[in-house]
Amino acid sequence: MSHDDLVPLDEAASVLAGVDGRTGAAYALKVLDGHPGPWARRRIQARLRRLSVLADHESIVVPEPRLVRLPDGRWAVRRELVTQSLPELVASTGPMHPDEVAELEATVSGALDAVRAAGLTHGAVTPGNVLFRADGSAVLTDFATGRAGTDDRAGLAAVLRFAAGRADVRLPRGGPIVEFGPHRPARRMRWVIPVGVVAVAVAGAVLIARDGEDEPARTSNAGPVVSSAPAARLAVAPPVDRGDVVELRWRGRAGLTYAVVVTPRGRTPQVMLAGRTTSFEVRVEPDLPYCMTVQGTDGTSFVKSDPVPIRTADCPA
């Protein structure tokens, strides 16, 4: 598997984002702490292979069944990019409504039933391991090794108390499958990269060229080089506002990776990876004005559109 530069989602670069060059799907790479030796890597990969039987469950996100070697020599596991956790959701919108808590219980319980039916345990059912996809659906991720006495149902109870706004959350015991490096919780919506790294984020999207064996680590740690020349302009078609979704389409040359900068009125801009497609759907709040800008790069040159106002938003040039 070959890589270009990676997109850090936190200051410690312990979680990286990328875009599959063949499918356009965004994914996450979670970096292993330290430099595990061959025995440790074999143990981790054996666990990942056991978890792969759950890969088709709609409410479970498991890593791919092998480790990825990064250009700087570190090792990581790759999984679907789902960036908003339950703690982030509660912090931004407050405790969930009782009906939402009941729906969350049904989703996580169903996931745990599938885990148990496969003869496995999760071992680390915590609020931070319940994530939300862009469509609002909850998923369970970040499995642990588990150990005797670990109770996934106790973890579920802790998740539901947290979702309902209860402060007395006791987390279940259990060791993680791998220890990841320091991670600073992301303050972002689903599928979002901090706007402060947008140029690097688009330039550094991971492009998967082919399947194969992991390549040796490259010695250079240099980041993507983006031209300092004024950015060319992308042409964006008139947006289609469908109430809770805005459809964007634009024209751009082949080989570019795109992101959409979304700025709700009075709020912080957010950046959403679009990949190599020239269309994108942005989930929005009905009646709230937005400014949206499309940006693209091939790693050396950078292009962007004029700001696109949604619902008479006043967008600075």
Protein backbone atom coordinates (compact mmCIF):
# COMPACT_ATOMS: atom_id res chain seq x y z
CA MET A 1 0.00 0.00 0.00
CA SER A 2 1.56 3.30 -1.03
CA HIS A 3 0.92 6.65 0.61
CA ASP A 4 1.39 10.28 -0.09
CA ASP A 5 1.35 12.73 2.83
CA LEU A 6 -1.18 12.27 5.61
CA VAL A 7 -3.66 14.68 7.18
CA PRO A 8 -3.38 15.06 11.00
CA LEU A 9 -6.68 15.37 12.86
CA ASP A 10 -5.05 16.33 16.16
CA GLU A 11 -1.94 18.18 17.30
CA ALA A 12 -0.10 14.97 18.19
CA ALA A 13 -0.82 13.44 14.76
CA SER A 14 -2.11 10.31 16.51
CA VAL A 15 -5.13 10.20 14.20
CA LEU A 16 -4.73 10.84 10.48
CA ALA A 17 -7.31 11.24 7.72
CA GLY A 18 -7.15 10.23 4.11
CA VAL A 19 -9.17 9.71 0.96
CA ASP A 20 -9.12 6.45 -0.99
CA GLY A 21 -8.00 7.36 -4.48
CA ARG A 22 -10.14 4.65 -6.06
CA THR A 23 -13.43 5.01 -4.18
CA GLY A 24 -13.26 8.60 -2.89
CA ALA A 25 -14.18 7.37 0.60
CA ALA A 26 -12.59 9.10 3.59
CA TYR A 27 -10.92 6.98 6.25
CA ALA A 28 -8.96 7.33 9.49
CA LEU A 29 -5.58 5.94 10.48
CA LYS A 30 -5.11 5.54 14.23
CA VAL A 31 -1.42 5.46 15.07
CA LEU A 32 -0.01 2.88 17.46
CA ASP A 33 1.95 4.24 20.38
CA GLY A 34 5.68 3.66 20.16
CA HIS A 35 7.24 1.19 17.73
CA PRO A 36 5.76 -2.28 18.33
CA GLY A 37 8.05 -5.14 17.46
CA PRO A 38 7.22 -8.10 15.21
CA TRP A 39 5.62 -10.16 18.00
CA ALA A 40 3.37 -7.31 19.12
CA ARG A 41 2.35 -6.58 15.53
CA ARG A 42 1.45 -10.24 14.95
CA ARG A 43 -0.68 -10.26 18.10
CA ILE A 44 -2.51 -7.10 17.05
CA GLN A 45 -3.11 -8.33 13.52
CA ALA A 46 -4.46 -11.63 14.83
CA ARG A 47 -6.98 -9.69 16.90
CA LEU A 48 -7.90 -7.54 13.90
CA ARG A 49 -8.52 -10.66 11.81
CA ARG A 50 -10.87 -12.02 14.48
CA LEU A 51 -12.79 -8.74 14.51
CA SER A 52 -13.17 -8.76 10.72
CA VAL A 53 -16.22 -11.06 10.99
CA LEU A 54 -18.10 -7.99 12.26
CA ALA A 55 -17.12 -5.73 9.36
CA ASP A 56 -20.49 -5.97 7.59
CA HIS A 57 -22.58 -4.99 10.62
CA GLU A 58 -24.09 -1.56 9.97
CA SER A 59 -23.60 -0.36 13.57
CA ILE A 60 -20.05 -1.62 14.09
CA VAL A 61 -16.84 -0.09 12.76
CA VAL A 62 -13.81 -2.36 12.92
CA PRO A 63 -10.34 -1.71 11.50
CA GLU A 64 -9.11 -3.42 8.39
CA PRO A 65 -7.42 -6.73 9.27
CA ARG A 66 -3.83 -5.64 8.85
CA LEU A 67 -1.55 -2.89 10.07
CA VAL A 68 -0.44 0.01 7.88
CA ARG A 69 3.13 1.26 7.91
CA LEU A 70 3.29 5.03 7.62
CA PRO A 71 5.93 6.99 5.69
CA ASP A 72 7.63 8.04 8.94
CA GLY A 73 7.99 4.44 10.14
CA ARG A 74 5.07 4.38 12.58
CA TRP A 75 2.33 1.76 12.45
CA ALA A 76 -1.41 2.39 12.32
CA VAL A 77 -4.76 0.69 11.93
CA ARG A 78 -7.14 1.89 9.24
CA ARG A 79 -10.90 2.21 9.58
CA GLU A 80 -13.85 4.23 8.31
CA LEU A 81 -13.57 7.94 9.13
CA VAL A 82 -16.24 8.73 11.73
CA THR A 83 -15.11 11.74 13.72
CA GLN A 84 -17.90 12.83 16.08
CA SER A 85 -18.04 10.98 19.38
CA LEU A 86 -20.87 10.86 21.89
CA PRO A 87 -19.00 13.19 24.32
CA GLU A 88 -18.51 15.73 21.51
CA LEU A 89 -22.18 15.51 20.55
CA VAL A 90 -23.34 16.03 24.14
CA ALA A 91 -20.87 18.89 24.61
CA SER A 92 -22.17 20.69 21.52
CA THR A 93 -25.92 20.05 21.76
CA GLY A 94 -26.56 18.97 25.34
CA PRO A 95 -27.97 15.70 26.72
CA MET A 96 -29.94 13.54 24.32
CA HIS A 97 -33.75 13.40 24.38
CA PRO A 98 -35.17 10.25 26.03
CA ASP A 99 -36.38 9.00 22.64
CA GLU A 100 -32.86 9.45 21.26
CA VAL A 101 -31.39 7.61 24.25
CA ALA A 102 -33.79 4.72 23.61
CA GLU A 103 -32.75 4.63 19.96
CA LEU A 104 -29.08 4.69 20.98
CA GLU A 105 -29.70 1.81 23.40
CA ALA A 106 -31.28 -0.28 20.64
CA THR A 107 -28.38 0.42 18.28
CA VAL A 108 -25.57 -0.35 20.73
CA SER A 109 -27.42 -3.37 22.16
CA GLY A 110 -27.82 -4.78 18.66
CA ALA A 111 -24.12 -4.26 18.02
CA LEU A 112 -23.20 -6.03 21.26
CA ASP A 113 -25.54 -8.92 20.42
CA ALA A 114 -23.63 -9.36 17.16
CA VAL A 115 -20.31 -9.21 19.00
CA ARG A 116 -21.44 -11.88 21.46
CA ALA A 117 -22.86 -14.08 18.67
CA ALA A 118 -19.41 -14.01 17.05
CA GLY A 119 -17.87 -15.30 20.27
CA LEU A 120 -16.12 -12.00 20.99
CA THR A 121 -16.27 -9.19 23.51
CA HIS A 122 -15.84 -5.48 22.96
CA GLY A 123 -14.10 -4.85 26.26
CA ALA A 124 -14.19 -1.04 26.17
CA VAL A 125 -17.78 0.14 25.73
CA THR A 126 -17.42 3.79 26.74
CA PRO A 127 -19.03 7.07 25.60
CA GLY A 128 -15.88 7.91 23.63
CA ASN A 129 -16.17 4.71 21.61
CA VAL A 130 -19.70 5.50 20.41
CA LEU A 131 -19.40 7.58 17.23
CA PHE A 132 -21.87 9.15 14.81
CA ARG A 133 -21.74 9.01 11.03
CA ALA A 134 -22.64 11.95 8.82
CA ASP A 135 -26.25 10.72 8.58
CA GLY A 136 -26.59 10.75 12.38
CA SER A 137 -26.46 6.97 12.84
CA ALA A 138 -24.51 5.66 15.83
CA VAL A 139 -21.73 3.09 15.55
CA LEU A 140 -19.63 1.19 18.06
CA THR A 141 -15.87 1.15 17.48
CA ASP A 142 -12.41 0.84 19.09
CA PHE A 143 -12.58 -2.72 20.40
CA ALA A 144 -10.28 -3.77 23.23
CA THR A 145 -8.60 -7.03 24.09
CA GLY A 146 -11.14 -7.64 26.86
CA ARG A 147 -10.36 -9.78 29.89
CA ALA A 148 -12.14 -11.91 32.45
CA GLY A 149 -14.72 -9.85 34.29
CA THR A 150 -15.11 -7.21 31.58
CA ASP A 151 -18.83 -6.50 31.25
CA ASP A 152 -19.97 -4.94 27.99
CA ARG A 153 -23.48 -4.46 29.38
CA ALA A 154 -22.10 -2.37 32.23
CA GLY A 155 -20.37 -0.28 29.60
CA LEU A 156 -23.67 0.13 27.76
CA ALA A 157 -25.31 1.38 30.95
CA ALA A 158 -22.52 3.94 31.35
CA VAL A 159 -22.99 5.10 27.76
CA LEU A 160 -26.73 5.60 28.26
CA ARG A 161 -26.25 7.50 31.52
CA PHE A 162 -23.77 9.78 29.79
CA ALA A 163 -26.07 10.35 26.81
CA ALA A 164 -28.90 11.30 29.17
CA GLY A 165 -26.71 13.84 30.98
CA ARG A 166 -25.92 11.82 34.08
CA ALA A 167 -22.55 12.70 35.61
CA ASP A 168 -22.06 9.44 37.55
CA VAL A 169 -20.58 7.47 34.68
CA ARG A 170 -18.39 4.56 35.70
CA LEU A 171 -16.34 3.13 32.87
CA PRO A 172 -15.85 -0.64 32.52
CA ARG A 173 -12.46 -2.23 33.03
CA GLY A 174 -10.51 -3.60 30.11
CA GLY A 175 -7.27 -3.03 28.27
CA PRO A 176 -7.23 -1.50 24.81
CA ILE A 177 -6.31 -3.61 21.81
CA VAL A 178 -3.49 -1.14 21.14
CA GLU A 179 -2.31 1.91 23.01
CA PHE A 180 -2.57 4.95 20.76
CA GLY A 181 -0.53 8.09 21.13
CA PRO A 182 -1.85 11.17 22.97
CA HIS A 183 -5.15 12.26 21.48
CA ARG A 184 -6.69 15.66 21.90
CA PRO A 185 -10.49 15.36 21.55
CA ALA A 186 -11.63 16.92 18.29
CA ARG A 187 -14.11 19.77 18.46
CA ARG A 188 -15.80 19.27 15.16
CA MET A 189 -18.92 18.03 13.47
CA ARG A 190 -19.08 14.68 11.72
CA TRP A 191 -16.50 14.15 8.94
CA VAL A 192 -14.83 17.48 9.70
CA ILE A 193 -11.20 18.62 9.76
CA PRO A 194 -10.21 21.83 11.64
CA VAL A 195 -10.33 24.77 9.26
CA GLY A 196 -6.92 26.00 10.37
CA VAL A 197 -5.26 23.17 8.46
CA VAL A 198 -7.45 23.25 5.37
CA ALA A 199 -4.71 23.85 2.80
CA VAL A 200 -2.56 21.11 4.28
CA ALA A 201 -5.59 18.89 4.79
CA VAL A 202 -6.56 18.99 1.14
CA ALA A 203 -2.97 18.80 -0.07
CA GLY A 204 -2.20 15.93 2.27
CA ALA A 205 -5.12 13.63 1.48
CA VAL A 206 -3.95 10.04 1.38
CA LEU A 207 -4.31 8.58 -2.11
CA ILE A 208 -4.32 4.80 -2.22
CA ALA A 209 -2.81 3.77 -5.54
CA ARG A 210 -2.91 0.01 -5.24
CA ASP A 211 -3.18 -2.95 -2.89
CA GLY A 212 -0.05 -4.87 -1.97
CA GLU A 213 2.48 -5.32 0.76
CA ASP A 214 3.32 -2.44 3.08
CA GLU A 215 6.19 -0.45 1.62
CA PRO A 216 9.31 0.40 3.63
CA ALA A 217 9.19 3.64 5.53
CA ARG A 218 10.41 6.68 3.64
CA THR A 219 13.14 8.67 5.31
CA SER A 220 11.73 12.08 4.46
CA ASN A 221 9.07 13.53 6.76
CA ALA A 222 8.50 16.61 4.66
CA GLY A 223 4.90 17.77 4.42
CA PRO A 224 3.02 18.56 1.23
CA VAL A 225 4.31 21.46 -0.83
CA VAL A 226 1.60 23.89 -1.86
CA SER A 227 2.32 26.59 -4.40
CA SER A 228 2.46 30.13 -3.02
CA ALA A 229 1.03 31.55 -6.24
CA PRO A 230 -2.49 33.01 -6.11
CA ALA A 231 -5.05 30.21 -6.16
CA ALA A 232 -7.00 29.67 -9.37
CA ARG A 233 -10.79 29.80 -9.18
CA LEU A 234 -13.13 26.82 -9.35
CA ALA A 235 -16.52 27.29 -10.99
CA VAL A 236 -19.37 26.13 -8.72
CA ALA A 237 -22.84 25.57 -10.16
CA PRO A 238 -25.80 27.21 -8.37
CA PRO A 239 -26.33 25.18 -5.17
CA VAL A 240 -29.47 23.13 -4.65
CA ASP A 241 -30.99 23.74 -1.20
CA ARG A 242 -33.18 20.84 -0.07
CA GLY A 243 -33.78 22.07 3.46
CA ASP A 244 -31.52 19.79 5.47
CA VAL A 245 -29.05 19.11 2.64
CA VAL A 246 -27.30 21.45 0.20
CA GLU A 247 -26.06 19.87 -3.03
CA LEU A 248 -22.88 21.35 -4.53
CA ARG A 249 -21.39 20.67 -7.96
CA TRP A 250 -18.28 22.19 -9.49
CA ARG A 251 -15.94 21.88 -12.46
CA GLY A 252 -12.30 21.01 -11.92
CA ARG A 253 -9.48 19.28 -13.72
CA ALA A 254 -8.79 15.61 -13.20
CA GLY A 255 -6.47 14.49 -10.43
CA LEU A 256 -7.47 17.01 -7.76
CA THR A 257 -8.58 16.19 -4.23
CA TYR A 258 -11.32 18.47 -2.91
CA ALA A 259 -12.65 19.75 0.39
CA VAL A 260 -15.60 22.00 1.18
CA VAL A 261 -15.26 24.79 3.76
CA VAL A 262 -18.65 25.23 5.45
CA THR A 263 -19.31 28.33 7.58
CA PRO A 264 -22.70 28.59 9.30
CA ARG A 265 -23.64 32.16 10.23
CA GLY A 266 -22.12 33.07 13.59
CA ARG A 267 -20.21 29.80 13.93
CA THR A 268 -16.74 28.41 13.34
CA PRO A 269 -15.85 27.28 9.81
CA GLN A 270 -15.51 23.54 9.27
CA VAL A 271 -13.82 21.59 6.51
CA MET A 272 -15.31 18.43 4.99
CA LEU A 273 -13.27 16.10 2.78
CA ALA A 274 -14.98 15.48 -0.56
CA GLY A 275 -12.23 13.38 -2.13
CA ARG A 276 -11.83 13.32 -5.91
CA THR A 277 -15.49 13.78 -6.74
CA THR A 278 -16.84 17.04 -8.19
CA SER A 279 -20.10 16.95 -6.26
CA PHE A 280 -20.86 16.88 -2.55
CA GLU A 281 -23.87 16.95 -0.23
CA VAL A 282 -23.57 19.07 2.92
CA ARG A 283 -25.97 18.40 5.79
CA VAL A 284 -27.28 21.73 7.10
CA GLU A 285 -29.75 23.15 9.56
CA PRO A 286 -32.96 24.37 7.91
CA ASP A 287 -33.18 28.16 7.55
CA LEU A 288 -29.63 28.82 8.84
CA PRO A 289 -27.52 30.85 6.35
CA TYR A 290 -24.21 29.36 5.25
CA CYS A 291 -21.14 30.31 3.24
CA MET A 292 -19.42 27.48 1.38
CA THR A 293 -16.12 27.39 -0.50
CA VAL A 294 -14.71 24.50 -2.53
CA GLN A 295 -10.94 23.98 -2.44
CA GLY A 296 -8.80 21.49 -4.32
CA THR A 297 -5.18 20.47 -4.79
CA ASP A 298 -2.94 17.91 -6.43
CA GLY A 299 -0.32 18.35 -3.70
CA THR A 300 1.63 21.07 -5.52
CA SER A 301 -1.00 23.54 -6.76
CA PHE A 302 -4.08 24.89 -5.01
CA VAL A 303 -7.43 26.05 -6.42
CA LYS A 304 -10.60 27.31 -4.79
CA SER A 305 -14.00 28.76 -5.61
CA ASP A 306 -15.50 32.09 -4.71
CA PRO A 307 -17.61 31.85 -1.54
CA VAL A 308 -21.06 30.44 -2.30
CA PRO A 309 -23.84 32.07 -0.24
CA ILE A 310 -26.67 29.84 0.95
CA ARG A 311 -29.96 31.51 1.99
CA THR A 312 -28.80 35.10 1.43
CA ALA A 313 -25.72 34.69 3.61
CA ASP A 314 -23.28 37.61 3.51
CA CYS A 315 -20.04 35.91 2.47
CA PRO A 316 -16.75 37.86 2.46
CA ALA A 317 -14.75 37.63 -0.76
